[in-house]
Amino acid sequence: MRTAIIVGGRDNQEIAAQLHLSEKTVKAHVGNILLKPGLKDRMQAAIYALKATTGW
């Protein structure tokens, strides 16, 4: 779910509004999501999510 929000094209401000969080909190969570599998940016997260969900 978290990755889907990130790779859905939303920026931190939009994610914060949707989840009722501050932008700073969203930025921290996005950073943690990218850090865990060693990803550098949201594009890599999108590819990672695609591979994980489709077996591509």
N, C-alpha and C. Protein backbone atom coordinates (compact mmCIF):
# COMPACT_ATOMS: atom_id res chain seq x y z
N MET A 1 0.83 -1.20 0.00
CA MET A 1 0.00 0.00 0.00
C MET A 1 0.87 1.26 0.00
N ARG A 2 1.87 1.30 0.88
CA ARG A 2 2.70 2.50 0.97
C ARG A 2 3.39 2.79 -0.34
N THR A 3 3.96 1.74 -0.95
CA THR A 3 4.66 1.94 -2.20
C THR A 3 3.70 2.38 -3.29
N ALA A 4 2.48 1.88 -3.28
CA ALA A 4 1.50 2.25 -4.29
C ALA A 4 1.22 3.74 -4.26
N ILE A 5 1.16 4.32 -3.09
CA ILE A 5 0.93 5.76 -2.97
C ILE A 5 2.12 6.52 -3.53
N ILE A 6 3.32 6.06 -3.23
CA ILE A 6 4.53 6.74 -3.69
C ILE A 6 4.65 6.69 -5.20
N VAL A 7 4.46 5.50 -5.78
CA VAL A 7 4.67 5.35 -7.22
C VAL A 7 3.45 5.78 -8.03
N GLY A 8 2.39 6.17 -7.36
CA GLY A 8 1.18 6.61 -8.04
C GLY A 8 1.28 8.02 -8.59
N GLY A 9 2.47 8.61 -8.52
CA GLY A 9 2.68 9.93 -9.09
C GLY A 9 2.37 11.08 -8.14
N ARG A 10 2.07 10.78 -6.90
CA ARG A 10 1.77 11.84 -5.93
C ARG A 10 3.05 12.37 -5.32
N ASP A 11 3.06 13.68 -5.06
CA ASP A 11 4.20 14.26 -4.37
C ASP A 11 3.95 14.20 -2.86
N ASN A 12 4.94 14.60 -2.10
CA ASN A 12 4.84 14.51 -0.64
C ASN A 12 3.66 15.30 -0.09
N GLN A 13 3.38 16.45 -0.68
CA GLN A 13 2.27 17.28 -0.20
C GLN A 13 0.93 16.56 -0.42
N GLU A 14 0.76 15.94 -1.57
CA GLU A 14 -0.49 15.22 -1.85
C GLU A 14 -0.65 14.00 -0.96
N ILE A 15 0.45 13.28 -0.74
CA ILE A 15 0.41 12.12 0.14
C ILE A 15 0.07 12.55 1.56
N ALA A 16 0.68 13.63 2.02
CA ALA A 16 0.41 14.14 3.37
C ALA A 16 -1.06 14.48 3.54
N ALA A 17 -1.63 15.14 2.56
CA ALA A 17 -3.05 15.50 2.64
C ALA A 17 -3.93 14.26 2.66
N GLN A 18 -3.61 13.28 1.83
CA GLN A 18 -4.41 12.06 1.76
C GLN A 18 -4.36 11.27 3.07
N LEU A 19 -3.19 11.23 3.69
CA LEU A 19 -3.01 10.42 4.90
C LEU A 19 -3.12 11.22 6.19
N HIS A 20 -3.39 12.53 6.07
CA HIS A 20 -3.52 13.41 7.23
C HIS A 20 -2.24 13.41 8.08
N LEU A 21 -1.10 13.58 7.38
CA LEU A 21 0.21 13.65 8.01
C LEU A 21 0.89 14.94 7.59
N SER A 22 1.97 15.28 8.28
CA SER A 22 2.75 16.44 7.84
C SER A 22 3.66 16.01 6.68
N GLU A 23 4.06 16.98 5.86
CA GLU A 23 4.97 16.68 4.76
C GLU A 23 6.29 16.13 5.28
N LYS A 24 6.74 16.64 6.42
CA LYS A 24 7.99 16.17 7.02
C LYS A 24 7.89 14.68 7.38
N THR A 25 6.76 14.27 7.92
CA THR A 25 6.55 12.86 8.25
C THR A 25 6.54 12.00 7.00
N VAL A 26 5.86 12.47 5.96
CA VAL A 26 5.82 11.73 4.70
C VAL A 26 7.21 11.60 4.13
N LYS A 27 7.97 12.68 4.14
CA LYS A 27 9.34 12.64 3.61
C LYS A 27 10.18 11.61 4.36
N ALA A 28 10.03 11.56 5.66
CA ALA A 28 10.78 10.58 6.46
C ALA A 28 10.36 9.15 6.11
N HIS A 29 9.07 8.93 5.97
CA HIS A 29 8.59 7.59 5.63
C HIS A 29 9.02 7.17 4.23
N VAL A 30 8.94 8.09 3.28
CA VAL A 30 9.39 7.79 1.93
C VAL A 30 10.87 7.42 1.94
N GLY A 31 11.65 8.17 2.67
CA GLY A 31 13.08 7.86 2.78
C GLY A 31 13.33 6.48 3.35
N ASN A 32 12.56 6.12 4.37
CA ASN A 32 12.71 4.80 4.99
C ASN A 32 12.29 3.69 4.02
N ILE A 33 11.23 3.94 3.27
CA ILE A 33 10.76 2.94 2.29
C ILE A 33 11.82 2.72 1.22
N LEU A 34 12.46 3.78 0.78
CA LEU A 34 13.49 3.67 -0.25
C LEU A 34 14.77 3.03 0.32
N LEU A 35 15.07 3.32 1.57
CA LEU A 35 16.30 2.84 2.19
C LEU A 35 16.31 1.33 2.38
N LYS A 36 15.19 0.78 2.79
CA LYS A 36 15.14 -0.64 3.15
C LYS A 36 15.62 -1.55 2.02
N PRO A 37 15.10 -1.43 0.79
CA PRO A 37 15.59 -2.28 -0.30
C PRO A 37 16.76 -1.67 -1.06
N GLY A 38 17.28 -0.53 -0.59
CA GLY A 38 18.43 0.10 -1.23
C GLY A 38 18.09 0.87 -2.50
N LEU A 39 16.92 1.46 -2.55
CA LEU A 39 16.49 2.22 -3.72
C LEU A 39 16.94 3.67 -3.61
N LYS A 40 17.16 4.31 -4.75
CA LYS A 40 17.65 5.69 -4.76
C LYS A 40 16.56 6.73 -4.99
N ASP A 41 15.47 6.35 -5.66
CA ASP A 41 14.43 7.33 -5.96
C ASP A 41 13.09 6.63 -6.20
N ARG A 42 12.08 7.44 -6.46
CA ARG A 42 10.73 6.92 -6.66
C ARG A 42 10.61 6.07 -7.93
N MET A 43 11.40 6.38 -8.94
CA MET A 43 11.37 5.58 -10.16
C MET A 43 11.83 4.16 -9.85
N GLN A 44 12.90 4.03 -9.10
CA GLN A 44 13.36 2.70 -8.71
C GLN A 44 12.31 1.99 -7.85
N ALA A 45 11.60 2.75 -7.02
CA ALA A 45 10.54 2.16 -6.20
C ALA A 45 9.42 1.62 -7.08
N ALA A 46 9.09 2.35 -8.15
CA ALA A 46 8.05 1.90 -9.08
C ALA A 46 8.46 0.58 -9.75
N ILE A 47 9.69 0.51 -10.19
CA ILE A 47 10.18 -0.71 -10.84
C ILE A 47 10.21 -1.86 -9.84
N TYR A 48 10.68 -1.57 -8.64
CA TYR A 48 10.73 -2.58 -7.58
C TYR A 48 9.33 -3.12 -7.28
N ALA A 49 8.36 -2.22 -7.17
CA ALA A 49 6.98 -2.63 -6.87
C ALA A 49 6.41 -3.44 -8.02
N LEU A 50 6.68 -3.05 -9.23
CA LEU A 50 6.20 -3.79 -10.40
C LEU A 50 6.76 -5.21 -10.41
N LYS A 51 8.05 -5.32 -10.17
CA LYS A 51 8.68 -6.65 -10.13
C LYS A 51 8.12 -7.49 -8.99
N ALA A 52 7.92 -6.89 -7.85
CA ALA A 52 7.44 -7.64 -6.69
C ALA A 52 6.00 -8.11 -6.85
N THR A 53 5.19 -7.34 -7.55
CA THR A 53 3.77 -7.69 -7.65
C THR A 53 3.43 -8.50 -8.90
N THR A 54 4.28 -8.45 -9.91
CA THR A 54 3.97 -9.16 -11.16
C THR A 54 4.94 -10.28 -11.46
N GLY A 55 6.03 -10.35 -10.73
CA GLY A 55 7.05 -11.34 -11.01
C GLY A 55 7.85 -11.04 -12.27
N TRP A 56 7.76 -9.82 -12.73
CA TRP A 56 8.44 -9.37 -13.95
C TRP A 56 9.92 -9.41 -13.83
